[in-house]
Amino acid sequence: MISHFSWKPLFQKEKLPGWRISFFHKGTHYEGIYHKTGDIEWGRQFPAHDDEPSIKSEIHELMLFHIYD
């Protein structure tokens, strides 16, 4: 489960899509860039291969709630 989820726009002046995200999952801090297509560019830390699909799904739901709702 994701905790301490935060996001902010990549570009302040332009209305270009893209958001910097950060969160904790199983005690590990992750950062990345969430693109409007739903793709995620991970920062230095990559999630485990088995955890990545569920993490992406949860992030997508959070972004739908915060950005597109």
PDB file of N, CA and C in Angstrom:
ATOM      1  N   MET A   1       0.834  -1.179   0.000  1.00  0.00           N
ATOM      2  CA  MET A   1       0.000   0.000   0.000  1.00  0.00           C
ATOM      3  C   MET A   1       0.879   1.242   0.000  1.00  0.00           C
ATOM      4  N   ILE A   2       0.487   2.209  -0.765  1.00  0.00           N
ATOM      5  CA  ILE A   2       1.226   3.472  -0.877  1.00  0.00           C
ATOM      6  C   ILE A   2       0.843   4.390   0.280  1.00  0.00           C
ATOM      7  N   SER A   3       1.824   5.069   0.842  1.00  0.00           N
ATOM      8  CA  SER A   3       1.554   6.068   1.883  1.00  0.00           C
ATOM      9  C   SER A   3       2.348   7.339   1.586  1.00  0.00           C
ATOM     10  N   HIS A   4       1.915   8.408   2.195  1.00  0.00           N
ATOM     11  CA  HIS A   4       2.562   9.720   2.064  1.00  0.00           C
ATOM     12  C   HIS A   4       2.720  10.128   0.591  1.00  0.00           C
ATOM     13  N   PHE A   5       1.660   9.925  -0.181  1.00  0.00           N
ATOM     14  CA  PHE A   5       1.691  10.247  -1.605  1.00  0.00           C
ATOM     15  C   PHE A   5       1.625  11.759  -1.790  1.00  0.00           C
ATOM     16  N   SER A   6       2.520  12.297  -2.623  1.00  0.00           N
ATOM     17  CA  SER A   6       2.464  13.725  -2.959  1.00  0.00           C
ATOM     18  C   SER A   6       2.766  13.901  -4.438  1.00  0.00           C
ATOM     19  N   TRP A   7       2.271  14.990  -5.001  1.00  0.00           N
ATOM     20  CA  TRP A   7       2.472  15.296  -6.412  1.00  0.00           C
ATOM     21  C   TRP A   7       2.559  16.808  -6.577  1.00  0.00           C
ATOM     22  N   LYS A   8       3.225  17.228  -7.629  1.00  0.00           N
ATOM     23  CA  LYS A   8       3.249  18.640  -7.993  1.00  0.00           C
ATOM     24  C   LYS A   8       3.533  18.727  -9.494  1.00  0.00           C
ATOM     25  N   PRO A   9       3.020  19.762 -10.137  1.00  0.00           N
ATOM     26  CA  PRO A   9       3.238  19.916 -11.583  1.00  0.00           C
ATOM     27  C   PRO A   9       4.719  20.077 -11.905  1.00  0.00           C
ATOM     28  N   LEU A  10       5.121  19.557 -13.046  1.00  0.00           N
ATOM     29  CA  LEU A  10       6.503  19.730 -13.502  1.00  0.00           C
ATOM     30  C   LEU A  10       6.754  21.159 -13.969  1.00  0.00           C
ATOM     31  N   PHE A  11       5.739  21.761 -14.558  1.00  0.00           N
ATOM     32  CA  PHE A  11       5.882  23.093 -15.158  1.00  0.00           C
ATOM     33  C   PHE A  11       4.910  24.052 -14.494  1.00  0.00           C
ATOM     34  N   GLN A  12       5.413  25.122 -13.919  1.00  0.00           N
ATOM     35  CA  GLN A  12       4.568  26.083 -13.218  1.00  0.00           C
ATOM     36  C   GLN A  12       3.896  27.087 -14.160  1.00  0.00           C
ATOM     37  N   LYS A  13       4.635  27.572 -15.137  1.00  0.00           N
ATOM     38  CA  LYS A  13       4.103  28.643 -15.986  1.00  0.00           C
ATOM     39  C   LYS A  13       3.252  28.103 -17.128  1.00  0.00           C
ATOM     40  N   GLU A  14       3.655  26.997 -17.709  1.00  0.00           N
ATOM     41  CA  GLU A  14       2.897  26.424 -18.804  1.00  0.00           C
ATOM     42  C   GLU A  14       1.934  25.379 -18.271  1.00  0.00           C
ATOM     43  N   LYS A  15       0.898  25.125 -19.024  1.00  0.00           N
ATOM     44  CA  LYS A  15      -0.086  24.116 -18.635  1.00  0.00           C
ATOM     45  C   LYS A  15       0.251  22.758 -19.256  1.00  0.00           C
ATOM     46  N   LEU A  16       1.533  22.466 -19.377  1.00  0.00           N
ATOM     47  CA  LEU A  16       1.950  21.191 -19.945  1.00  0.00           C
ATOM     48  C   LEU A  16       1.731  20.083 -18.924  1.00  0.00           C
ATOM     49  N   PRO A  17       1.257  18.932 -19.386  1.00  0.00           N
ATOM     50  CA  PRO A  17       1.032  17.839 -18.436  1.00  0.00           C
ATOM     51  C   PRO A  17       2.337  17.178 -18.000  1.00  0.00           C
ATOM     52  N   GLY A  18       2.313  16.663 -16.833  1.00  0.00           N
ATOM     53  CA  GLY A  18       3.461  15.984 -16.244  1.00  0.00           C
ATOM     54  C   GLY A  18       3.547  16.378 -14.783  1.00  0.00           C
ATOM     55  N   TRP A  19       3.731  15.390 -13.933  1.00  0.00           N
ATOM     56  CA  TRP A  19       3.740  15.642 -12.494  1.00  0.00           C
ATOM     57  C   TRP A  19       4.869  14.878 -11.826  1.00  0.00           C
ATOM     58  N   ARG A  20       5.515  15.517 -10.881  1.00  0.00           N
ATOM     59  CA  ARG A  20       6.524  14.860 -10.066  1.00  0.00           C
ATOM     60  C   ARG A  20       5.781  14.209  -8.903  1.00  0.00           C
ATOM     61  N   ILE A  21       6.027  12.933  -8.684  1.00  0.00           N
ATOM     62  CA  ILE A  21       5.344  12.204  -7.614  1.00  0.00           C
ATOM     63  C   ILE A  21       6.364  11.634  -6.637  1.00  0.00           C
ATOM     64  N   SER A  22       5.920  11.439  -5.419  1.00  0.00           N
ATOM     65  CA  SER A  22       6.753  10.755  -4.425  1.00  0.00           C
ATOM     66  C   SER A  22       5.827  10.053  -3.440  1.00  0.00           C
ATOM     67  N   PHE A  23       6.313   8.951  -2.876  1.00  0.00           N
ATOM     68  CA  PHE A  23       5.510   8.157  -1.959  1.00  0.00           C
ATOM     69  C   PHE A  23       6.397   7.109  -1.295  1.00  0.00           C
ATOM     70  N   PHE A  24       5.836   6.454  -0.297  1.00  0.00           N
ATOM     71  CA  PHE A  24       6.480   5.329   0.359  1.00  0.00           C
ATOM     72  C   PHE A  24       5.679   4.069   0.071  1.00  0.00           C
ATOM     73  N   HIS A  25       6.403   2.973  -0.125  1.00  0.00           N
ATOM     74  CA  HIS A  25       5.772   1.670  -0.287  1.00  0.00           C
ATOM     75  C   HIS A  25       6.660   0.644   0.403  1.00  0.00           C
ATOM     76  N   LYS A  26       6.092  -0.063   1.358  1.00  0.00           N
ATOM     77  CA  LYS A  26       6.832  -1.054   2.156  1.00  0.00           C
ATOM     78  C   LYS A  26       8.099  -0.463   2.763  1.00  0.00           C
ATOM     79  N   GLY A  27       7.986   0.779   3.251  1.00  0.00           N
ATOM     80  CA  GLY A  27       9.096   1.436   3.933  1.00  0.00           C
ATOM     81  C   GLY A  27      10.162   2.029   3.035  1.00  0.00           C
ATOM     82  N   THR A  28       9.989   1.951   1.720  1.00  0.00           N
ATOM     83  CA  THR A  28      10.965   2.502   0.779  1.00  0.00           C
ATOM     84  C   THR A  28      10.388   3.736   0.113  1.00  0.00           C
ATOM     85  N   HIS A  29      11.200   4.777   0.007  1.00  0.00           N
ATOM     86  CA  HIS A  29      10.770   6.022  -0.630  1.00  0.00           C
ATOM     87  C   HIS A  29      11.014   5.939  -2.129  1.00  0.00           C
ATOM     88  N   TYR A  30       9.998   6.300  -2.908  1.00  0.00           N
ATOM     89  CA  TYR A  30      10.094   6.312  -4.365  1.00  0.00           C
ATOM     90  C   TYR A  30       9.752   7.694  -4.887  1.00  0.00           C
ATOM     91  N   GLU A  31      10.400   8.069  -5.984  1.00  0.00           N
ATOM     92  CA  GLU A  31      10.108   9.312  -6.686  1.00  0.00           C
ATOM     93  C   GLU A  31      10.042   9.006  -8.169  1.00  0.00           C
ATOM     94  N   GLY A  32       9.345   9.853  -8.887  1.00  0.00           N
ATOM     95  CA  GLY A  32       9.280   9.667 -10.325  1.00  0.00           C
ATOM     96  C   GLY A  32       8.506  10.776 -10.993  1.00  0.00           C
ATOM     97  N   ILE A  33       8.328  10.621 -12.276  1.00  0.00           N
ATOM     98  CA  ILE A  33       7.545  11.557 -13.067  1.00  0.00           C
ATOM     99  C   ILE A  33       6.377  10.781 -13.662  1.00  0.00           C
ATOM    100  N   TYR A  34       5.184  11.296 -13.426  1.00  0.00           N
ATOM    101  CA  TYR A  34       3.972  10.693 -13.959  1.00  0.00           C
ATOM    102  C   TYR A  34       3.575  11.490 -15.195  1.00  0.00           C
ATOM    103  N   HIS A  35       3.484  10.813 -16.331  1.00  0.00           N
ATOM    104  CA  HIS A  35       3.114  11.459 -17.592  1.00  0.00           C
ATOM    105  C   HIS A  35       1.613  11.321 -17.821  1.00  0.00           C
ATOM    106  N   LYS A  36       1.054  12.186 -18.652  1.00  0.00           N
ATOM    107  CA  LYS A  36      -0.387  12.171 -18.906  1.00  0.00           C
ATOM    108  C   LYS A  36      -0.846  10.845 -19.517  1.00  0.00           C
ATOM    109  N   THR A  37       0.059  10.100 -20.107  1.00  0.00           N
ATOM    110  CA  THR A  37      -0.272   8.797 -20.680  1.00  0.00           C
ATOM    111  C   THR A  37      -0.389   7.711 -19.613  1.00  0.00           C
ATOM    112  N   GLY A  38      -0.004   8.039 -18.383  1.00  0.00           N
ATOM    113  CA  GLY A  38      -0.007   7.056 -17.304  1.00  0.00           C
ATOM    114  C   GLY A  38       1.333   6.377 -17.125  1.00  0.00           C
ATOM    115  N   ASP A  39       2.282   6.685 -18.015  1.00  0.00           N
ATOM    116  CA  ASP A  39       3.633   6.134 -17.875  1.00  0.00           C
ATOM    117  C   ASP A  39       4.345   6.797 -16.710  1.00  0.00           C
ATOM    118  N   ILE A  40       5.206   6.044 -16.062  1.00  0.00           N
ATOM    119  CA  ILE A  40       5.969   6.563 -14.930  1.00  0.00           C
ATOM    120  C   ILE A  40       7.444   6.393 -15.218  1.00  0.00           C
ATOM    121  N   GLU A  41       8.188   7.482 -15.095  1.00  0.00           N
ATOM    122  CA  GLU A  41       9.661   7.441 -15.141  1.00  0.00           C
ATOM    123  C   GLU A  41      10.124   7.398 -13.697  1.00  0.00           C
ATOM    124  N   TRP A  42      10.691   6.287 -13.300  1.00  0.00           N
ATOM    125  CA  TRP A  42      11.133   6.142 -11.924  1.00  0.00           C
ATOM    126  C   TRP A  42      12.418   6.925 -11.689  1.00  0.00           C
ATOM    127  N   GLY A  43      12.584   7.393 -10.468  1.00  0.00           N
ATOM    128  CA  GLY A  43      13.804   8.095 -10.073  1.00  0.00           C
ATOM    129  C   GLY A  43      14.924   7.098  -9.830  1.00  0.00           C
ATOM    130  N   ARG A  44      15.665   7.290  -8.778  1.00  0.00           N
ATOM    131  CA  ARG A  44      16.801   6.413  -8.471  1.00  0.00           C
ATOM    132  C   ARG A  44      16.373   5.020  -8.016  1.00  0.00           C
ATOM    133  N   GLN A  45      15.246   4.940  -7.335  1.00  0.00           N
ATOM    134  CA  GLN A  45      14.780   3.676  -6.765  1.00  0.00           C
ATOM    135  C   GLN A  45      13.670   3.096  -7.637  1.00  0.00           C
ATOM    136  N   PHE A  46      13.826   1.855  -8.061  1.00  0.00           N
ATOM    137  CA  PHE A  46      12.813   1.164  -8.849  1.00  0.00           C
ATOM    138  C   PHE A  46      12.075   0.172  -7.955  1.00  0.00           C
ATOM    139  N   PRO A  47      10.759   0.051  -8.120  1.00  0.00           N
ATOM    140  CA  PRO A  47      10.038  -0.957  -7.334  1.00  0.00           C
ATOM    141  C   PRO A  47      10.398  -2.376  -7.788  1.00  0.00           C
ATOM    142  N   ALA A  48      10.185  -3.326  -6.922  1.00  0.00           N
ATOM    143  CA  ALA A  48      10.413  -4.727  -7.276  1.00  0.00           C
ATOM    144  C   ALA A  48       9.512  -5.099  -8.446  1.00  0.00           C
ATOM    145  N   HIS A  49      10.000  -5.971  -9.291  1.00  0.00           N
ATOM    146  CA  HIS A  49       9.269  -6.367 -10.499  1.00  0.00           C
ATOM    147  C   HIS A  49       7.865  -6.874 -10.166  1.00  0.00           C
ATOM    148  N   ASP A  50       7.728  -7.635  -9.094  1.00  0.00           N
ATOM    149  CA  ASP A  50       6.420  -8.173  -8.704  1.00  0.00           C
ATOM    150  C   ASP A  50       5.477  -7.105  -8.161  1.00  0.00           C
ATOM    151  N   ASP A  51       6.019  -6.035  -7.556  1.00  0.00           N
ATOM    152  CA  ASP A  51       5.206  -4.974  -6.970  1.00  0.00           C
ATOM    153  C   ASP A  51       4.820  -3.893  -7.972  1.00  0.00           C
ATOM    154  N   GLU A  52       5.556  -3.762  -9.053  1.00  0.00           N
ATOM    155  CA  GLU A  52       5.361  -2.632  -9.969  1.00  0.00           C
ATOM    156  C   GLU A  52       3.942  -2.528 -10.545  1.00  0.00           C
ATOM    157  N   PRO A  53       3.317  -3.612 -11.017  1.00  0.00           N
ATOM    158  CA  PRO A  53       1.961  -3.453 -11.572  1.00  0.00           C
ATOM    159  C   PRO A  53       0.953  -2.913 -10.554  1.00  0.00           C
ATOM    160  N   SER A  54       0.998  -3.401  -9.332  1.00  0.00           N
ATOM    161  CA  SER A  54       0.043  -2.918  -8.323  1.00  0.00           C
ATOM    162  C   SER A  54       0.350  -1.481  -7.917  1.00  0.00           C
ATOM    163  N   ILE A  55       1.627  -1.114  -7.856  1.00  0.00           N
ATOM    164  CA  ILE A  55       2.005   0.261  -7.526  1.00  0.00           C
ATOM    165  C   ILE A  55       1.519   1.205  -8.626  1.00  0.00           C
ATOM    166  N   LYS A  56       1.748   0.839  -9.880  1.00  0.00           N
ATOM    167  CA  LYS A  56       1.304   1.681 -10.996  1.00  0.00           C
ATOM    168  C   LYS A  56      -0.211   1.855 -10.982  1.00  0.00           C
ATOM    169  N   SER A  57      -0.922   0.793 -10.699  1.00  0.00           N
ATOM    170  CA  SER A  57      -2.376   0.864 -10.646  1.00  0.00           C
ATOM    171  C   SER A  57      -2.843   1.804  -9.534  1.00  0.00           C
ATOM    172  N   GLU A  58      -2.221   1.700  -8.381  1.00  0.00           N
ATOM    173  CA  GLU A  58      -2.590   2.554  -7.250  1.00  0.00           C
ATOM    174  C   GLU A  58      -2.251   4.018  -7.532  1.00  0.00           C
ATOM    175  N   ILE A  59      -1.110   4.274  -8.146  1.00  0.00           N
ATOM    176  CA  ILE A  59      -0.731   5.644  -8.496  1.00  0.00           C
ATOM    177  C   ILE A  59      -1.707   6.219  -9.519  1.00  0.00           C
ATOM    178  N   HIS A  60      -2.076   5.403 -10.500  1.00  0.00           N
ATOM    179  CA  HIS A  60      -3.017   5.863 -11.511  1.00  0.00           C
ATOM    180  C   HIS A  60      -4.346   6.269 -10.857  1.00  0.00           C
ATOM    181  N   GLU A  61      -4.837   5.475  -9.932  1.00  0.00           N
ATOM    182  CA  GLU A  61      -6.079   5.811  -9.231  1.00  0.00           C
ATOM    183  C   GLU A  61      -5.931   7.115  -8.434  1.00  0.00           C
ATOM    184  N   LEU A  62      -4.790   7.272  -7.751  1.00  0.00           N
ATOM    185  CA  LEU A  62      -4.557   8.501  -6.987  1.00  0.00           C
ATOM    186  C   LEU A  62      -4.494   9.719  -7.896  1.00  0.00           C
ATOM    187  N   MET A  63      -3.834   9.577  -9.034  1.00  0.00           N
ATOM    188  CA  MET A  63      -3.726  10.704  -9.960  1.00  0.00           C
ATOM    189  C   MET A  63      -5.084  11.047 -10.574  1.00  0.00           C
ATOM    190  N   LEU A  64      -5.887  10.047 -10.878  1.00  0.00           N
ATOM    191  CA  LEU A  64      -7.238  10.318 -11.377  1.00  0.00           C
ATOM    192  C   LEU A  64      -8.031  11.109 -10.354  1.00  0.00           C
ATOM    193  N   PHE A  65      -7.892  10.747  -9.105  1.00  0.00           N
ATOM    194  CA  PHE A  65      -8.602  11.438  -8.038  1.00  0.00           C
ATOM    195  C   PHE A  65      -8.110  12.876  -7.875  1.00  0.00           C
ATOM    196  N   HIS A  66      -6.797  13.089  -7.867  1.00  0.00           N
ATOM    197  CA  HIS A  66      -6.231  14.407  -7.584  1.00  0.00           C
ATOM    198  C   HIS A  66      -6.200  15.346  -8.786  1.00  0.00           C
ATOM    199  N   ILE A  67      -5.929  14.833  -9.959  1.00  0.00           N
ATOM    200  CA  ILE A  67      -5.715  15.686 -11.131  1.00  0.00           C
ATOM    201  C   ILE A  67      -6.945  15.795 -12.010  1.00  0.00           C
ATOM    202  N   TYR A  68      -7.538  14.670 -12.335  1.00  0.00           N
ATOM    203  CA  TYR A  68      -8.579  14.659 -13.346  1.00  0.00           C
ATOM    204  C   TYR A  68      -9.979  14.736 -12.790  1.00  0.00           C
ATOM    205  N   ASP A  69     -10.145  14.669 -11.499  1.00  0.00           N
ATOM    206  CA  ASP A  69     -11.483  14.691 -10.921  1.00  0.00           C
ATOM    207  C   ASP A  69     -12.024  16.083 -10.777  1.00  0.00           C
TER     208      ASP A  69
END
